[in-house]
Amino acid sequence: MKNFLKKFLIVFLELVIISGILWFIAEKRGIHNFGQLVPALETRIQQVIPQSFPEPSDPVVKDFSWSYKGSKYELSLTLYQSVYKFYQNEPKTYAYDGQLPNNWEEEYYGMFLKANENDQTISELVDKLKALGSKHSLNSDQIVELALAFVQAIAYDDAKAGNILAKTGNESMLYPYETLFEKHGVCSDKSLLAVSILKELGYGTAIFTYEKENHMAIGIKCPKSYSTYGSGYCYGETTSIGNKIGIIPQFDIQSKKTAEIAEIADFDQTQRQQASFQDLGQVKIYQASDGKEYAGIIEIKKIESEISQLKTRMKTLLEQISPQKETIANEITELELQKNVLEKLKDDQNFEKYNASVEKYNALLEKYKKDSKAYNENVTLYNRAVARYNVLIKQ
């Protein structure tokens, strides 16, 4: 019995010592509870002993279609289940020894952008984009726009975004291969894919992050005088269709997505949007790399200026048209009521009151005609502005 107790105490003390060592290491790495310990240890093991890149197996053809400048584009990629599983098992969290490095975010995003030397998927995708560009006589900057339109058309993962905002589940960023395989992603997934493609095209790139809005976009190297935030990089939005390089869209605080650039309908066919939009806030820039400059921003800025003027004009006209429409509707209702009164007075042969009411009716009718004319003129001006706006956003 004494020997058993002695052995038990020795084993117990060994376990306490081992646990203490593991916990000391964990604390040094910024881990403060047991829930963080296991995934962090797994990540560290993956970093120290990286997994081997697999042989491609279980091929799956992924078809993509999107629009650029009014034309339809299509391409197919052959991806592999084995490679997809490889990236699923790659590190998704940042592990470190000692104190948290000052540049940990740079290193964290770099994990997802570092391509495996055996994976040529992005290179193959870029070759296909270049071939499409050549077929449609696009220059190099237009191929950049084509590539961004390709990423924008990949579906936004609303379910994942909801989990991230609610802080439920175990959501993590995707490697570019995973985003292509799943054909959907949130802003970070799509931005990392876009950066990978543009780097392969030879352009300088960066990552723009907005902590308050929990949003990520990309930067494309461009002439500094035209760049966003004076950074030397022009803003590129990946989550919504139609947004042009260098133009920062508004952010919908309800859906947590950027506003999509789309054609506006004529006034008679549209309702004023009730979505609550705001501008993106403070930015942090990571993974800035050198490369070719995107010169197309010069022409885009000219278009942006006219679009901005048109939007201001349309907003002003809408503010006039909406109350005008309500006034006219009330006048029509009142005219109908007065018409009924006149008919009754006429039937009753009460000509004295009838004549007085006719004067009142005619005065209201003249006001209605005047208000209708002003309303129709404003609607015409609004529809002209809309038509021009719809032309510009396709350029």
Foldseek 3Di string as FASTA:
>chain_A
DVVVVVVVVVVVVVVVVVVVVLVVFCVQFVHDDPVPRVLLVLQVVCVVPPDDQDDFDAWDKDKFWFDALHDIDIDIDIHGPSRLVSQVSHDQDQTDGGDDDPCSVQVNLVSLLDDDPVDCRLVVVLVVLVVVCVVVVHDLLVSLVVLLRRLQRQAEDLVLVVCVVVVHDDDTAGRQSNCSVVSYYHQRNSQSVSVNNVVSSFWWKKKKAFVVLRHIWMWTAAPQVLDPPSPRTWTGGRHAHLDDTNDFFWAQSVSSHGDHDDADDQPVPDDDDPTDTDGGDDIDMHDTDHGDHNHCSVVVVVLVVLLVVLVVLLVVLVVVLVVLVVVLVVLVVVLVVLVVVLVVCVVVVVVVVNVVSVVVSVVSVVVSVVSVVVNVVSSVVNVVSSVVSNSSSSD
